[in-house]
Amino acid sequence: MIPIARVAGVCMLVAFLVSKTYSFWIHWHRHSLTWHAADMLLHSDVCTKSYLRMNLRQFDNCESAEASVALGPFCRAVYSVAEEMHVCGESRCAILYMDVTDRLVYILPLTFVLLIVLMFRFGLDYRYQAAKAQYGQYVLPHQSHKKVM
């Protein structure tokens, strides 16, 4: 008989692989369209003729096209999937940092209140254990015949 945990683990692994494969194909398709468009722009008159490129000035997209063609669509799709899976991928850490700093006014007082409550609780527990140890010094050892279940 196969344990439920193993079946659930295999199902989750298959779902993860299917999800990431789908994500990979979506990224690959998007990056291949970008790559082909950038390649066409680089081979057009706008990027091959320098006088046209100089006349366009800030509207010259040849630099961004060269950056897009520098890495193939397969590698870009792999990197996109890896960025999705990374903890700080797609600026998640920056968003978390902004959320924490925005709510710092609420986080710090709650943390201090929690620390005070925990210190009070540990102080009570310490006093209880100290009193129990002091009481244990004056009690004779005895063996109990009762079984506690």
N, C-alpha and C. Protein backbone atom coordinates (compact mmCIF):
# COMPACT_ATOMS: atom_id res chain seq x y z
N MET A 1 0.83 -1.18 0.00
CA MET A 1 0.00 0.00 0.00
C MET A 1 0.89 1.25 0.00
N ILE A 2 0.53 2.20 -0.81
CA ILE A 2 1.32 3.43 -0.95
C ILE A 2 0.82 4.45 0.07
N PRO A 3 1.76 5.04 0.83
CA PRO A 3 1.34 6.05 1.82
C PRO A 3 0.76 7.29 1.16
N ILE A 4 -0.19 7.89 1.84
CA ILE A 4 -0.85 9.09 1.32
C ILE A 4 0.14 10.25 1.15
N ALA A 5 1.09 10.36 2.08
CA ALA A 5 2.06 11.46 2.00
C ALA A 5 2.89 11.36 0.73
N ARG A 6 3.27 10.14 0.35
CA ARG A 6 4.06 9.97 -0.86
C ARG A 6 3.25 10.32 -2.10
N VAL A 7 2.00 9.89 -2.13
CA VAL A 7 1.12 10.20 -3.27
C VAL A 7 0.91 11.70 -3.37
N ALA A 8 0.67 12.35 -2.21
CA ALA A 8 0.47 13.80 -2.21
C ALA A 8 1.74 14.51 -2.67
N GLY A 9 2.91 14.03 -2.23
CA GLY A 9 4.17 14.64 -2.65
C GLY A 9 4.39 14.50 -4.15
N VAL A 10 4.09 13.32 -4.69
CA VAL A 10 4.25 13.11 -6.14
C VAL A 10 3.27 13.99 -6.91
N CYS A 11 2.04 14.10 -6.43
CA CYS A 11 1.05 14.95 -7.10
C CYS A 11 1.49 16.42 -7.08
N MET A 12 2.02 16.86 -5.95
CA MET A 12 2.49 18.25 -5.87
C MET A 12 3.69 18.47 -6.78
N LEU A 13 4.59 17.49 -6.87
CA LEU A 13 5.74 17.61 -7.75
C LEU A 13 5.31 17.67 -9.22
N VAL A 14 4.37 16.83 -9.59
CA VAL A 14 3.87 16.85 -10.97
C VAL A 14 3.19 18.17 -11.28
N ALA A 15 2.37 18.67 -10.34
CA ALA A 15 1.70 19.95 -10.55
C ALA A 15 2.72 21.08 -10.68
N PHE A 16 3.77 21.05 -9.86
CA PHE A 16 4.81 22.06 -9.95
C PHE A 16 5.51 22.01 -11.30
N LEU A 17 5.87 20.80 -11.74
CA LEU A 17 6.55 20.66 -13.03
C LEU A 17 5.67 21.10 -14.20
N VAL A 18 4.40 20.75 -14.16
CA VAL A 18 3.49 21.17 -15.23
C VAL A 18 3.35 22.68 -15.23
N SER A 19 3.22 23.27 -14.05
CA SER A 19 3.09 24.72 -13.95
C SER A 19 4.33 25.43 -14.48
N LYS A 20 5.49 24.95 -14.10
CA LYS A 20 6.73 25.61 -14.55
C LYS A 20 6.99 25.37 -16.03
N THR A 21 6.58 24.21 -16.55
CA THR A 21 6.72 23.95 -17.99
C THR A 21 5.83 24.90 -18.78
N TYR A 22 4.60 25.08 -18.32
CA TYR A 22 3.69 26.02 -18.97
C TYR A 22 4.26 27.43 -18.92
N SER A 23 4.76 27.82 -17.75
CA SER A 23 5.36 29.14 -17.60
C SER A 23 6.56 29.30 -18.53
N PHE A 24 7.36 28.23 -18.65
CA PHE A 24 8.52 28.28 -19.55
C PHE A 24 8.08 28.51 -20.99
N TRP A 25 7.04 27.78 -21.44
CA TRP A 25 6.59 27.93 -22.82
C TRP A 25 6.03 29.32 -23.08
N ILE A 26 5.32 29.87 -22.11
CA ILE A 26 4.79 31.23 -22.25
C ILE A 26 5.94 32.23 -22.38
N HIS A 27 6.94 32.10 -21.50
CA HIS A 27 8.09 33.02 -21.57
C HIS A 27 8.87 32.83 -22.88
N TRP A 28 9.04 31.57 -23.28
CA TRP A 28 9.78 31.32 -24.51
C TRP A 28 9.07 31.95 -25.70
N HIS A 29 7.76 31.82 -25.79
CA HIS A 29 7.01 32.40 -26.89
C HIS A 29 7.14 33.92 -26.88
N ARG A 30 6.99 34.53 -25.70
CA ARG A 30 7.10 35.99 -25.60
C ARG A 30 8.49 36.47 -25.97
N HIS A 31 9.52 35.77 -25.46
CA HIS A 31 10.89 36.20 -25.75
C HIS A 31 11.28 35.93 -27.20
N SER A 32 10.73 34.88 -27.81
CA SER A 32 11.05 34.64 -29.22
C SER A 32 10.41 35.70 -30.11
N LEU A 33 9.20 36.15 -29.75
CA LEU A 33 8.59 37.24 -30.52
C LEU A 33 9.43 38.52 -30.40
N THR A 34 9.89 38.80 -29.18
CA THR A 34 10.74 39.98 -28.96
C THR A 34 12.05 39.84 -29.72
N TRP A 35 12.62 38.64 -29.68
CA TRP A 35 13.89 38.41 -30.35
C TRP A 35 13.76 38.60 -31.86
N HIS A 36 12.69 38.04 -32.46
CA HIS A 36 12.50 38.17 -33.91
C HIS A 36 12.23 39.63 -34.30
N ALA A 37 11.46 40.35 -33.49
CA ALA A 37 11.20 41.77 -33.79
C ALA A 37 12.49 42.58 -33.69
N ALA A 38 13.28 42.30 -32.67
CA ALA A 38 14.56 43.02 -32.50
C ALA A 38 15.52 42.68 -33.63
N ASP A 39 15.54 41.42 -34.05
CA ASP A 39 16.41 41.01 -35.16
C ASP A 39 16.00 41.70 -36.45
N MET A 40 14.69 41.80 -36.69
CA MET A 40 14.22 42.49 -37.89
C MET A 40 14.60 43.97 -37.84
N LEU A 41 14.50 44.59 -36.65
CA LEU A 41 14.88 46.00 -36.53
C LEU A 41 16.37 46.19 -36.78
N LEU A 42 17.18 45.28 -36.26
CA LEU A 42 18.63 45.40 -36.46
C LEU A 42 19.03 45.24 -37.92
N HIS A 43 18.28 44.46 -38.68
CA HIS A 43 18.59 44.27 -40.09
C HIS A 43 17.88 45.27 -41.00
N SER A 44 17.10 46.15 -40.42
CA SER A 44 16.41 47.15 -41.24
C SER A 44 17.34 48.33 -41.52
N ASP A 45 16.87 49.22 -42.38
CA ASP A 45 17.66 50.39 -42.76
C ASP A 45 17.89 51.32 -41.58
N VAL A 46 16.99 51.31 -40.61
CA VAL A 46 17.10 52.23 -39.47
C VAL A 46 18.37 51.95 -38.68
N CYS A 47 18.70 50.69 -38.52
CA CYS A 47 19.88 50.35 -37.71
C CYS A 47 21.14 50.14 -38.56
N THR A 48 20.97 49.84 -39.83
CA THR A 48 22.16 49.60 -40.65
C THR A 48 22.74 50.89 -41.23
N LYS A 49 21.89 51.87 -41.45
CA LYS A 49 22.38 53.14 -42.02
C LYS A 49 22.57 54.15 -40.88
N SER A 50 23.80 54.58 -40.74
CA SER A 50 24.15 55.43 -39.59
C SER A 50 23.52 56.82 -39.65
N TYR A 51 23.31 57.36 -40.85
CA TYR A 51 22.73 58.71 -40.93
C TYR A 51 21.29 58.70 -40.44
N LEU A 52 20.54 57.61 -40.73
CA LEU A 52 19.16 57.50 -40.22
C LEU A 52 19.17 57.36 -38.70
N ARG A 53 20.11 56.58 -38.23
CA ARG A 53 20.20 56.33 -36.79
C ARG A 53 20.54 57.62 -36.04
N MET A 54 21.39 58.42 -36.62
CA MET A 54 21.76 59.69 -35.96
C MET A 54 20.62 60.69 -36.02
N ASN A 55 19.84 60.69 -37.09
CA ASN A 55 18.73 61.62 -37.21
C ASN A 55 17.58 61.27 -36.25
N LEU A 56 17.46 59.99 -35.89
CA LEU A 56 16.39 59.57 -34.98
C LEU A 56 16.67 59.99 -33.53
N ARG A 57 17.91 60.11 -33.16
CA ARG A 57 18.36 60.52 -31.82
C ARG A 57 17.71 59.69 -30.73
N GLN A 58 16.86 60.29 -29.89
CA GLN A 58 16.32 59.56 -28.75
C GLN A 58 15.28 58.51 -29.14
N PHE A 59 14.82 58.51 -30.37
CA PHE A 59 13.85 57.52 -30.81
C PHE A 59 14.53 56.29 -31.44
N ASP A 60 15.83 56.23 -31.33
CA ASP A 60 16.60 55.10 -31.85
C ASP A 60 16.45 53.91 -30.87
N ASN A 61 15.84 52.84 -31.35
CA ASN A 61 15.65 51.64 -30.53
C ASN A 61 16.65 50.54 -30.86
N CYS A 62 17.67 50.86 -31.58
CA CYS A 62 18.64 49.84 -31.99
C CYS A 62 19.43 49.31 -30.80
N GLU A 63 19.69 50.16 -29.82
CA GLU A 63 20.43 49.69 -28.63
C GLU A 63 19.64 48.66 -27.86
N SER A 64 18.36 48.92 -27.67
CA SER A 64 17.54 47.95 -26.94
C SER A 64 17.36 46.68 -27.78
N ALA A 65 17.33 46.82 -29.09
CA ALA A 65 17.24 45.63 -29.96
C ALA A 65 18.51 44.79 -29.86
N GLU A 66 19.66 45.46 -29.80
CA GLU A 66 20.92 44.72 -29.64
C GLU A 66 20.96 44.00 -28.30
N ALA A 67 20.44 44.62 -27.26
CA ALA A 67 20.38 43.96 -25.95
C ALA A 67 19.43 42.77 -25.97
N SER A 68 18.35 42.88 -26.74
CA SER A 68 17.39 41.77 -26.82
C SER A 68 17.94 40.60 -27.61
N VAL A 69 18.76 40.87 -28.60
CA VAL A 69 19.31 39.81 -29.45
C VAL A 69 20.54 39.17 -28.80
N ALA A 70 21.13 39.83 -27.81
CA ALA A 70 22.36 39.33 -27.19
C ALA A 70 22.17 37.95 -26.57
N LEU A 71 20.98 37.67 -26.10
CA LEU A 71 20.68 36.37 -25.47
C LEU A 71 19.50 35.77 -26.19
N GLY A 72 19.58 34.49 -26.49
CA GLY A 72 18.51 33.83 -27.22
C GLY A 72 17.23 33.70 -26.41
N PRO A 73 16.11 33.41 -27.10
CA PRO A 73 14.83 33.30 -26.39
C PRO A 73 14.79 32.13 -25.41
N PHE A 74 15.50 31.04 -25.71
CA PHE A 74 15.51 29.90 -24.79
C PHE A 74 16.16 30.27 -23.46
N CYS A 75 17.32 30.92 -23.54
CA CYS A 75 18.02 31.33 -22.30
C CYS A 75 17.21 32.35 -21.53
N ARG A 76 16.60 33.29 -22.24
CA ARG A 76 15.77 34.29 -21.55
C ARG A 76 14.58 33.64 -20.88
N ALA A 77 13.99 32.61 -21.50
CA ALA A 77 12.86 31.91 -20.88
C ALA A 77 13.31 31.16 -19.63
N VAL A 78 14.48 30.53 -19.69
CA VAL A 78 15.02 29.85 -18.52
C VAL A 78 15.26 30.85 -17.39
N TYR A 79 15.85 31.99 -17.72
CA TYR A 79 16.10 33.01 -16.70
C TYR A 79 14.79 33.57 -16.13
N SER A 80 13.78 33.72 -16.97
CA SER A 80 12.49 34.24 -16.50
C SER A 80 11.84 33.27 -15.52
N VAL A 81 11.89 31.97 -15.83
CA VAL A 81 11.33 30.96 -14.92
C VAL A 81 12.13 30.93 -13.62
N ALA A 82 13.45 31.04 -13.72
CA ALA A 82 14.28 31.06 -12.52
C ALA A 82 13.98 32.30 -11.67
N GLU A 83 13.73 33.42 -12.32
CA GLU A 83 13.40 34.63 -11.57
C GLU A 83 12.05 34.49 -10.88
N GLU A 84 11.09 33.81 -11.53
CA GLU A 84 9.80 33.56 -10.90
C GLU A 84 9.97 32.72 -9.64
N MET A 85 10.88 31.75 -9.68
CA MET A 85 11.04 30.81 -8.58
C MET A 85 11.90 31.39 -7.45
N HIS A 86 12.74 32.36 -7.75
CA HIS A 86 13.65 32.90 -6.74
C HIS A 86 12.86 33.70 -5.70
N VAL A 87 13.34 33.69 -4.47
CA VAL A 87 12.66 34.38 -3.37
C VAL A 87 12.51 35.87 -3.66
N CYS A 88 13.56 36.49 -4.14
CA CYS A 88 13.52 37.93 -4.41
C CYS A 88 13.27 38.23 -5.89
N GLY A 89 12.86 37.24 -6.66
CA GLY A 89 12.61 37.46 -8.07
C GLY A 89 11.44 38.39 -8.30
N GLU A 90 11.47 39.07 -9.40
CA GLU A 90 10.43 40.01 -9.82
C GLU A 90 10.18 41.08 -8.75
N SER A 91 11.24 41.53 -8.10
CA SER A 91 11.24 42.64 -7.12
C SER A 91 10.39 42.37 -5.89
N ARG A 92 10.23 41.10 -5.50
CA ARG A 92 9.43 40.79 -4.32
C ARG A 92 10.09 41.32 -3.04
N CYS A 93 11.41 41.26 -2.93
CA CYS A 93 12.10 41.75 -1.74
C CYS A 93 11.98 43.27 -1.63
N ALA A 94 12.04 43.96 -2.73
CA ALA A 94 11.90 45.42 -2.70
C ALA A 94 10.49 45.80 -2.27
N ILE A 95 9.50 45.06 -2.74
CA ILE A 95 8.12 45.34 -2.36
C ILE A 95 7.92 45.05 -0.87
N LEU A 96 8.51 43.95 -0.38
CA LEU A 96 8.42 43.62 1.04
C LEU A 96 9.09 44.72 1.88
N TYR A 97 10.25 45.18 1.44
CA TYR A 97 10.96 46.24 2.15
C TYR A 97 10.10 47.50 2.22
N MET A 98 9.47 47.87 1.12
CA MET A 98 8.62 49.05 1.12
C MET A 98 7.41 48.86 2.03
N ASP A 99 6.82 47.67 2.04
CA ASP A 99 5.68 47.40 2.92
C ASP A 99 6.09 47.49 4.38
N VAL A 100 7.24 46.92 4.73
CA VAL A 100 7.70 46.94 6.11
C VAL A 100 8.02 48.36 6.55
N THR A 101 8.71 49.12 5.72
CA THR A 101 9.06 50.48 6.11
C THR A 101 7.83 51.38 6.19
N ASP A 102 6.83 51.12 5.37
CA ASP A 102 5.59 51.90 5.46
C ASP A 102 4.83 51.60 6.74
N ARG A 103 4.91 50.37 7.19
CA ARG A 103 4.16 49.96 8.39
C ARG A 103 5.03 49.87 9.64
N LEU A 104 6.21 50.45 9.59
CA LEU A 104 7.13 50.40 10.72
C LEU A 104 6.55 51.05 11.97
N VAL A 105 5.69 52.05 11.78
CA VAL A 105 5.05 52.73 12.90
C VAL A 105 4.17 51.75 13.69
N TYR A 106 3.60 50.77 13.01
CA TYR A 106 2.76 49.78 13.68
C TYR A 106 3.57 48.58 14.15
N ILE A 107 4.60 48.22 13.42
CA ILE A 107 5.37 47.02 13.73
C ILE A 107 6.19 47.18 15.00
N LEU A 108 6.87 48.31 15.16
CA LEU A 108 7.73 48.50 16.34
C LEU A 108 6.95 48.51 17.66
N PRO A 109 5.87 49.26 17.81
CA PRO A 109 5.14 49.19 19.08
C PRO A 109 4.58 47.80 19.38
N LEU A 110 4.08 47.12 18.35
CA LEU A 110 3.57 45.76 18.57
C LEU A 110 4.69 44.82 19.00
N THR A 111 5.87 45.00 18.43
CA THR A 111 7.02 44.17 18.83
C THR A 111 7.39 44.44 20.27
N PHE A 112 7.41 45.71 20.67
CA PHE A 112 7.75 46.04 22.06
C PHE A 112 6.69 45.50 23.03
N VAL A 113 5.43 45.59 22.68
CA VAL A 113 4.37 45.04 23.54
C VAL A 113 4.53 43.53 23.65
N LEU A 114 4.82 42.88 22.55
CA LEU A 114 5.04 41.43 22.58
C LEU A 114 6.23 41.08 23.45
N LEU A 115 7.31 41.83 23.35
CA LEU A 115 8.50 41.59 24.19
C LEU A 115 8.18 41.78 25.67
N ILE A 116 7.42 42.80 26.01
CA ILE A 116 7.05 43.04 27.41
C ILE A 116 6.18 41.91 27.94
N VAL A 117 5.21 41.46 27.14
CA VAL A 117 4.36 40.34 27.56
C VAL A 117 5.19 39.08 27.74
N LEU A 118 6.11 38.82 26.82
CA LEU A 118 6.96 37.63 26.95
C LEU A 118 7.88 37.72 28.16
N MET A 119 8.44 38.90 28.43
CA MET A 119 9.29 39.06 29.60
C MET A 119 8.48 38.84 30.89
N PHE A 120 7.27 39.36 30.94
CA PHE A 120 6.40 39.15 32.09
C PHE A 120 6.10 37.67 32.27
N ARG A 121 5.77 37.01 31.17
CA ARG A 121 5.44 35.57 31.22
C ARG A 121 6.65 34.75 31.68
N PHE A 122 7.83 35.03 31.14
CA PHE A 122 9.03 34.29 31.53
C PHE A 122 9.43 34.61 32.97
N GLY A 123 9.17 35.85 33.42
CA GLY A 123 9.43 36.20 34.81
C GLY A 123 8.54 35.41 35.76
N LEU A 124 7.26 35.30 35.41
CA LEU A 124 6.35 34.48 36.22
C LEU A 124 6.78 33.02 36.24
N ASP A 125 7.16 32.51 35.10
CA ASP A 125 7.60 31.11 35.02
C ASP A 125 8.88 30.90 35.83
N TYR A 126 9.78 31.87 35.78
CA TYR A 126 11.02 31.77 36.55
C TYR A 126 10.72 31.75 38.05
N ARG A 127 9.83 32.64 38.51
CA ARG A 127 9.48 32.67 39.93
C ARG A 127 8.80 31.38 40.35
N TYR A 128 7.94 30.84 39.47
CA TYR A 128 7.26 29.58 39.79
C TYR A 128 8.28 28.44 39.91
N GLN A 129 9.21 28.36 38.97
CA GLN A 129 10.22 27.30 39.01
C GLN A 129 11.14 27.46 40.22
N ALA A 130 11.48 28.71 40.58
CA ALA A 130 12.32 28.94 41.75
C ALA A 130 11.60 28.52 43.03
N ALA A 131 10.31 28.85 43.14
CA ALA A 131 9.53 28.43 44.32
C ALA A 131 9.38 26.92 44.37
N LYS A 132 9.19 26.29 43.21
CA LYS A 132 9.07 24.83 43.16
C LYS A 132 10.38 24.18 43.56
N ALA A 133 11.51 24.73 43.15
CA ALA A 133 12.81 24.18 43.53
C ALA A 133 13.06 24.37 45.02
N GLN A 134 12.67 25.52 45.54
CA GLN A 134 12.84 25.77 46.97
C GLN A 134 11.95 24.83 47.78
N TYR A 135 10.75 24.59 47.32
CA TYR A 135 9.85 23.65 47.99
C TYR A 135 10.43 22.24 47.92
N GLY A 136 11.06 21.90 46.79
CA GLY A 136 11.65 20.57 46.62
C GLY A 136 12.79 20.31 47.57
N GLN A 137 13.43 21.33 48.08
CA GLN A 137 14.53 21.13 49.04
C GLN A 137 14.03 20.61 50.38
N TYR A 138 12.78 20.92 50.75
CA TYR A 138 12.27 20.57 52.05
C TYR A 138 11.35 19.35 52.03
N VAL A 139 11.16 18.74 50.90
CA VAL A 139 10.30 17.56 50.80
C VAL A 139 11.17 16.32 50.77
N LEU A 140 10.78 15.34 51.59
CA LEU A 140 11.52 14.07 51.60
C LEU A 140 11.22 13.29 50.34
N PRO A 141 12.24 12.60 49.84
CA PRO A 141 11.97 11.78 48.64
C PRO A 141 11.05 10.63 49.00
N HIS A 142 10.14 10.33 48.13
CA HIS A 142 9.24 9.21 48.33
C HIS A 142 8.91 8.59 46.98
N GLN A 143 8.49 7.34 47.06
CA GLN A 143 8.18 6.63 45.84
C GLN A 143 6.68 6.48 45.76
N SER A 144 6.14 6.87 44.65
CA SER A 144 4.69 6.80 44.48
C SER A 144 4.37 5.49 43.77
N HIS A 145 3.36 4.79 44.30
CA HIS A 145 2.94 3.51 43.71
C HIS A 145 1.83 3.71 42.70
N LYS A 146 1.38 4.92 42.53
CA LYS A 146 0.32 5.18 41.57
C LYS A 146 0.89 5.30 40.18
N LYS A 147 0.20 4.71 39.23
CA LYS A 147 0.60 4.86 37.85
C LYS A 147 -0.23 5.96 37.21
N VAL A 148 0.47 6.87 36.64
CA VAL A 148 -0.20 7.99 35.99
C VAL A 148 -0.26 7.70 34.49
N MET A 149 -1.42 7.78 33.96
CA MET A 149 -1.58 7.52 32.53
C MET A 149 -1.81 8.78 31.77
